[in-house]
Amino acid sequence: MVNSFSASTKRKFRGRAPSLLPPATVPLHQLTGERGARLYGNFGHERDGHSYDSCWKYGGLVCRIWETQAPGMVPFRRVWSPKSKTWAFPTNDESTNWWIKERDAIIEYVVGYVYRSDGPCPAGAVPLYGMAKEGIGRYFTISEGERDLCLRLGAQDLGVLCYVCPP
């Protein structure tokens, strides 16, 4: 399988052989709650057949991630904190342990696997940006334009969370 690249990506990687990404088969979807809260997951394949009530509206496909772990990848976990009534999506053990210890969070499940944010972005992958704002929780996007808009509207910049595959 050969990745297709845009002209700008080809220029960026000129002189370097692009690595082949494994197929990213796990869709990462967004749901939006009545008050703007956001929830991310692969809702068709969640454990225990969890279903969501009508207060959640489908917000679309954000990106694709991987079902199995390869070198350089970490689990993309979804954790729930009853104490703060919020979901978090840590992409490293330190952050996961903080949520468990400080917020009494539980790991709901591993949605899939992503490439680490502290490593180089693999050819064909894109950054997943994170923002947070009280009242709407965390917001993820692969779009620099959406990221910039959220920051202009007062969201906190969480930086690049990890590297994912575009939808």
C-alpha atoms as a PDB file:
ATOM      1  CA  MET A   1       0.000   0.000   0.000  1.00  0.00           C
ATOM      2  CA  VAL A   2       1.434   3.390  -0.980  1.00  0.00           C
ATOM      3  CA  ASN A   3       0.331   6.617   0.665  1.00  0.00           C
ATOM      4  CA  SER A   4      -0.811   9.432  -1.583  1.00  0.00           C
ATOM      5  CA  PHE A   5       0.586  12.852  -0.713  1.00  0.00           C
ATOM      6  CA  SER A   6      -0.467  16.392  -1.520  1.00  0.00           C
ATOM      7  CA  ALA A   7       1.981  18.685  -3.301  1.00  0.00           C
ATOM      8  CA  SER A   8       2.888  20.480  -0.047  1.00  0.00           C
ATOM      9  CA  THR A   9       3.472  17.180   1.743  1.00  0.00           C
ATOM     10  CA  LYS A  10       5.652  15.973  -1.133  1.00  0.00           C
ATOM     11  CA  ARG A  11       7.787  19.121  -0.806  1.00  0.00           C
ATOM     12  CA  LYS A  12       8.001  18.682   2.961  1.00  0.00           C
ATOM     13  CA  PHE A  13       9.316  15.133   2.611  1.00  0.00           C
ATOM     14  CA  ARG A  14      11.425  15.637  -0.539  1.00  0.00           C
ATOM     15  CA  GLY A  15      14.616  13.624  -0.249  1.00  0.00           C
ATOM     16  CA  ARG A  16      13.205  11.341   2.444  1.00  0.00           C
ATOM     17  CA  ALA A  17      11.519   8.036   1.793  1.00  0.00           C
ATOM     18  CA  PRO A  18       7.989   8.173   3.258  1.00  0.00           C
ATOM     19  CA  SER A  19       7.235   5.481   5.786  1.00  0.00           C
ATOM     20  CA  LEU A  20       4.206   3.334   5.177  1.00  0.00           C
ATOM     21  CA  LEU A  21       1.516   3.709   7.786  1.00  0.00           C
ATOM     22  CA  PRO A  22      -0.404   0.626   8.794  1.00  0.00           C
ATOM     23  CA  PRO A  23      -4.084   0.865   7.779  1.00  0.00           C
ATOM     24  CA  ALA A  24      -6.000   3.043  10.246  1.00  0.00           C
ATOM     25  CA  THR A  25      -9.302   1.209  10.580  1.00  0.00           C
ATOM     26  CA  VAL A  26     -10.747   2.592  13.839  1.00  0.00           C
ATOM     27  CA  PRO A  27     -12.976   5.636  13.315  1.00  0.00           C
ATOM     28  CA  LEU A  28     -12.843   8.274  16.029  1.00  0.00           C
ATOM     29  CA  HIS A  29     -16.287   9.920  16.141  1.00  0.00           C
ATOM     30  CA  GLN A  30     -17.515  12.934  18.074  1.00  0.00           C
ATOM     31  CA  LEU A  31     -20.803  13.306  19.922  1.00  0.00           C
ATOM     32  CA  THR A  32     -21.961  16.692  21.212  1.00  0.00           C
ATOM     33  CA  GLY A  33     -24.168  17.003  24.281  1.00  0.00           C
ATOM     34  CA  GLU A  34     -27.023  19.432  24.880  1.00  0.00           C
ATOM     35  CA  ARG A  35     -24.747  21.869  26.714  1.00  0.00           C
ATOM     36  CA  GLY A  36     -21.879  21.576  24.249  1.00  0.00           C
ATOM     37  CA  ALA A  37     -19.907  18.835  26.014  1.00  0.00           C
ATOM     38  CA  ARG A  38     -18.068  16.525  23.648  1.00  0.00           C
ATOM     39  CA  LEU A  39     -17.467  12.798  23.794  1.00  0.00           C
ATOM     40  CA  TYR A  40     -15.158  10.853  21.490  1.00  0.00           C
ATOM     41  CA  GLY A  41     -15.066   7.149  20.695  1.00  0.00           C
ATOM     42  CA  ASN A  42     -15.712   4.327  18.281  1.00  0.00           C
ATOM     43  CA  PHE A  43     -19.360   4.082  19.251  1.00  0.00           C
ATOM     44  CA  GLY A  44     -20.250   1.128  17.054  1.00  0.00           C
ATOM     45  CA  HIS A  45     -17.811  -1.123  18.888  1.00  0.00           C
ATOM     46  CA  GLU A  46     -17.884   0.013  22.499  1.00  0.00           C
ATOM     47  CA  ARG A  47     -17.758  -2.510  25.255  1.00  0.00           C
ATOM     48  CA  ASP A  48     -21.015  -3.605  26.851  1.00  0.00           C
ATOM     49  CA  GLY A  49     -23.012  -2.222  23.930  1.00  0.00           C
ATOM     50  CA  HIS A  50     -23.287   1.196  25.597  1.00  0.00           C
ATOM     51  CA  SER A  51     -25.874   3.391  23.931  1.00  0.00           C
ATOM     52  CA  TYR A  52     -26.329   7.109  24.292  1.00  0.00           C
ATOM     53  CA  ASP A  53     -29.597   8.891  24.918  1.00  0.00           C
ATOM     54  CA  SER A  54     -31.112  11.527  22.668  1.00  0.00           C
ATOM     55  CA  CYS A  55     -29.261  14.398  24.385  1.00  0.00           C
ATOM     56  CA  TRP A  56     -26.158  13.425  22.372  1.00  0.00           C
ATOM     57  CA  LYS A  57     -25.959  14.497  18.732  1.00  0.00           C
ATOM     58  CA  TYR A  58     -23.576  12.976  16.230  1.00  0.00           C
ATOM     59  CA  GLY A  59     -20.797  15.458  15.443  1.00  0.00           C
ATOM     60  CA  GLY A  60     -18.955  13.577  12.737  1.00  0.00           C
ATOM     61  CA  LEU A  61     -15.820  11.621  12.039  1.00  0.00           C
ATOM     62  CA  VAL A  62     -12.745  13.357  13.440  1.00  0.00           C
ATOM     63  CA  CYS A  63     -10.019  11.010  12.197  1.00  0.00           C
ATOM     64  CA  ARG A  64      -8.998   7.375  12.071  1.00  0.00           C
ATOM     65  CA  ILE A  65      -6.710   5.591  14.488  1.00  0.00           C
ATOM     66  CA  TRP A  66      -5.239   2.103  14.651  1.00  0.00           C
ATOM     67  CA  GLU A  67      -6.689  -1.098  16.082  1.00  0.00           C
ATOM     68  CA  THR A  68      -3.356  -2.687  16.947  1.00  0.00           C
ATOM     69  CA  GLN A  69      -0.244  -1.164  18.425  1.00  0.00           C
ATOM     70  CA  ALA A  70       2.891  -0.747  16.299  1.00  0.00           C
ATOM     71  CA  PRO A  71       6.301   0.692  17.279  1.00  0.00           C
ATOM     72  CA  GLY A  72       5.988   4.357  18.295  1.00  0.00           C
ATOM     73  CA  MET A  73       2.291   4.048  19.158  1.00  0.00           C
ATOM     74  CA  VAL A  74       0.524   4.501  22.488  1.00  0.00           C
ATOM     75  CA  PRO A  75      -3.022   3.670  23.639  1.00  0.00           C
ATOM     76  CA  PHE A  76      -5.693   6.323  23.097  1.00  0.00           C
ATOM     77  CA  ARG A  77      -7.730   5.796  26.257  1.00  0.00           C
ATOM     78  CA  ARG A  78     -11.075   7.186  27.232  1.00  0.00           C
ATOM     79  CA  VAL A  79     -11.338   7.776  30.978  1.00  0.00           C
ATOM     80  CA  TRP A  80     -14.339   8.965  32.982  1.00  0.00           C
ATOM     81  CA  SER A  81     -14.073  11.056  36.133  1.00  0.00           C
ATOM     82  CA  PRO A  82     -17.305  10.950  38.169  1.00  0.00           C
ATOM     83  CA  LYS A  83     -15.711  13.471  40.560  1.00  0.00           C
ATOM     84  CA  SER A  84     -15.406  16.165  37.877  1.00  0.00           C
ATOM     85  CA  LYS A  85     -18.113  14.717  35.594  1.00  0.00           C
ATOM     86  CA  THR A  86     -15.832  14.769  32.588  1.00  0.00           C
ATOM     87  CA  TRP A  87     -14.173  12.502  30.081  1.00  0.00           C
ATOM     88  CA  ALA A  88     -10.488  12.707  29.316  1.00  0.00           C
ATOM     89  CA  PHE A  89      -8.423  11.140  26.564  1.00  0.00           C
ATOM     90  CA  PRO A  90      -4.863  10.719  27.823  1.00  0.00           C
ATOM     91  CA  THR A  91      -2.223   9.497  25.403  1.00  0.00           C
ATOM     92  CA  ASN A  92       0.454   8.554  27.929  1.00  0.00           C
ATOM     93  CA  ASP A  93       0.687   6.589  31.168  1.00  0.00           C
ATOM     94  CA  GLU A  94       1.665   9.638  33.263  1.00  0.00           C
ATOM     95  CA  SER A  95      -1.474  11.536  32.297  1.00  0.00           C
ATOM     96  CA  THR A  96      -3.673   8.448  32.704  1.00  0.00           C
ATOM     97  CA  ASN A  97      -2.261   7.851  36.205  1.00  0.00           C
ATOM     98  CA  TRP A  98      -2.855  11.520  37.111  1.00  0.00           C
ATOM     99  CA  TRP A  99      -6.534  11.245  36.133  1.00  0.00           C
ATOM    100  CA  ILE A 100      -6.918   8.043  38.146  1.00  0.00           C
ATOM    101  CA  LYS A 101      -5.166   9.403  41.243  1.00  0.00           C
ATOM    102  CA  GLU A 102      -6.279  13.060  41.271  1.00  0.00           C
ATOM    103  CA  ARG A 103      -9.761  12.790  39.727  1.00  0.00           C
ATOM    104  CA  ASP A 104     -10.738   9.243  40.762  1.00  0.00           C
ATOM    105  CA  ALA A 105     -11.163   8.447  37.076  1.00  0.00           C
ATOM    106  CA  ILE A 106     -11.692   5.007  35.642  1.00  0.00           C
ATOM    107  CA  ILE A 107     -10.445   3.778  32.290  1.00  0.00           C
ATOM    108  CA  GLU A 108     -13.537   3.069  30.211  1.00  0.00           C
ATOM    109  CA  TYR A 109     -11.590   1.454  27.390  1.00  0.00           C
ATOM    110  CA  VAL A 110      -8.789   1.843  24.866  1.00  0.00           C
ATOM    111  CA  VAL A 111     -10.378   3.373  21.762  1.00  0.00           C
ATOM    112  CA  GLY A 112      -7.360   2.459  19.629  1.00  0.00           C
ATOM    113  CA  TYR A 113      -3.716   3.376  19.170  1.00  0.00           C
ATOM    114  CA  VAL A 114      -2.045   6.604  18.032  1.00  0.00           C
ATOM    115  CA  TYR A 115       1.476   7.842  17.381  1.00  0.00           C
ATOM    116  CA  ARG A 116       3.161   9.627  20.283  1.00  0.00           C
ATOM    117  CA  SER A 117       3.158  13.418  20.312  1.00  0.00           C
ATOM    118  CA  ASP A 118       6.762  13.571  21.509  1.00  0.00           C
ATOM    119  CA  GLY A 119       8.044  11.707  18.464  1.00  0.00           C
ATOM    120  CA  PRO A 120       8.260  12.691  14.830  1.00  0.00           C
ATOM    121  CA  CYS A 121       5.040  12.789  12.833  1.00  0.00           C
ATOM    122  CA  PRO A 122       5.076   9.729  10.572  1.00  0.00           C
ATOM    123  CA  ALA A 123       4.659  10.435   6.874  1.00  0.00           C
ATOM    124  CA  GLY A 124       0.949  10.359   6.048  1.00  0.00           C
ATOM    125  CA  ALA A 125      -0.168  11.050   9.625  1.00  0.00           C
ATOM    126  CA  VAL A 126      -1.470  14.404  10.885  1.00  0.00           C
ATOM    127  CA  PRO A 127      -1.463  16.110  14.300  1.00  0.00           C
ATOM    128  CA  LEU A 128      -4.560  15.801  16.489  1.00  0.00           C
ATOM    129  CA  TYR A 129      -4.897  19.158  18.244  1.00  0.00           C
ATOM    130  CA  GLY A 130      -6.595  19.456  21.603  1.00  0.00           C
ATOM    131  CA  MET A 131      -8.353  22.427  23.164  1.00  0.00           C
ATOM    132  CA  ALA A 132     -10.402  22.756  26.324  1.00  0.00           C
ATOM    133  CA  LYS A 133     -12.916  25.258  27.597  1.00  0.00           C
ATOM    134  CA  GLU A 134     -15.162  25.166  30.620  1.00  0.00           C
ATOM    135  CA  GLY A 135     -18.697  24.343  29.580  1.00  0.00           C
ATOM    136  CA  ILE A 136     -17.718  22.455  26.427  1.00  0.00           C
ATOM    137  CA  GLY A 137     -14.920  20.263  27.737  1.00  0.00           C
ATOM    138  CA  ARG A 138     -12.281  18.998  25.355  1.00  0.00           C
ATOM    139  CA  TYR A 139     -12.364  19.550  21.613  1.00  0.00           C
ATOM    140  CA  PHE A 140     -10.197  17.623  19.137  1.00  0.00           C
ATOM    141  CA  THR A 141      -9.505  18.464  15.519  1.00  0.00           C
ATOM    142  CA  ILE A 142      -6.987  17.797  12.786  1.00  0.00           C
ATOM    143  CA  SER A 143      -7.791  21.184  11.218  1.00  0.00           C
ATOM    144  CA  GLU A 144      -5.429  24.077  11.978  1.00  0.00           C
ATOM    145  CA  GLY A 145      -8.250  26.490  11.073  1.00  0.00           C
ATOM    146  CA  GLU A 146     -10.655  24.946  13.623  1.00  0.00           C
ATOM    147  CA  ARG A 147      -7.886  24.946  16.210  1.00  0.00           C
ATOM    148  CA  ASP A 148      -7.148  28.651  15.615  1.00  0.00           C
ATOM    149  CA  LEU A 149     -10.861  29.531  15.829  1.00  0.00           C
ATOM    150  CA  CYS A 150     -11.243  27.713  19.172  1.00  0.00           C
ATOM    151  CA  LEU A 151      -8.207  29.523  20.560  1.00  0.00           C
ATOM    152  CA  ARG A 152      -9.567  32.910  19.409  1.00  0.00           C
ATOM    153  CA  LEU A 153     -12.822  32.057  21.213  1.00  0.00           C
ATOM    154  CA  GLY A 154     -10.934  31.547  24.469  1.00  0.00           C
ATOM    155  CA  ALA A 155     -10.195  27.832  24.572  1.00  0.00           C
ATOM    156  CA  GLN A 156      -7.053  26.595  26.290  1.00  0.00           C
ATOM    157  CA  ASP A 157      -4.497  25.126  23.891  1.00  0.00           C
ATOM    158  CA  LEU A 158      -3.644  21.527  24.855  1.00  0.00           C
ATOM    159  CA  GLY A 159      -1.176  21.281  21.967  1.00  0.00           C
ATOM    160  CA  VAL A 160      -0.632  18.269  19.748  1.00  0.00           C
ATOM    161  CA  LEU A 161      -2.076  15.276  21.592  1.00  0.00           C
ATOM    162  CA  CYS A 162      -0.845  12.657  19.150  1.00  0.00           C
ATOM    163  CA  TYR A 163      -0.601  11.856  15.444  1.00  0.00           C
ATOM    164  CA  VAL A 164      -3.518  10.203  13.640  1.00  0.00           C
ATOM    165  CA  CYS A 165      -4.695   9.356  10.155  1.00  0.00           C
ATOM    166  CA  PRO A 166      -7.035  11.742   8.302  1.00  0.00           C
ATOM    167  CA  PRO A 167     -10.580  10.488   7.710  1.00  0.00           C
END
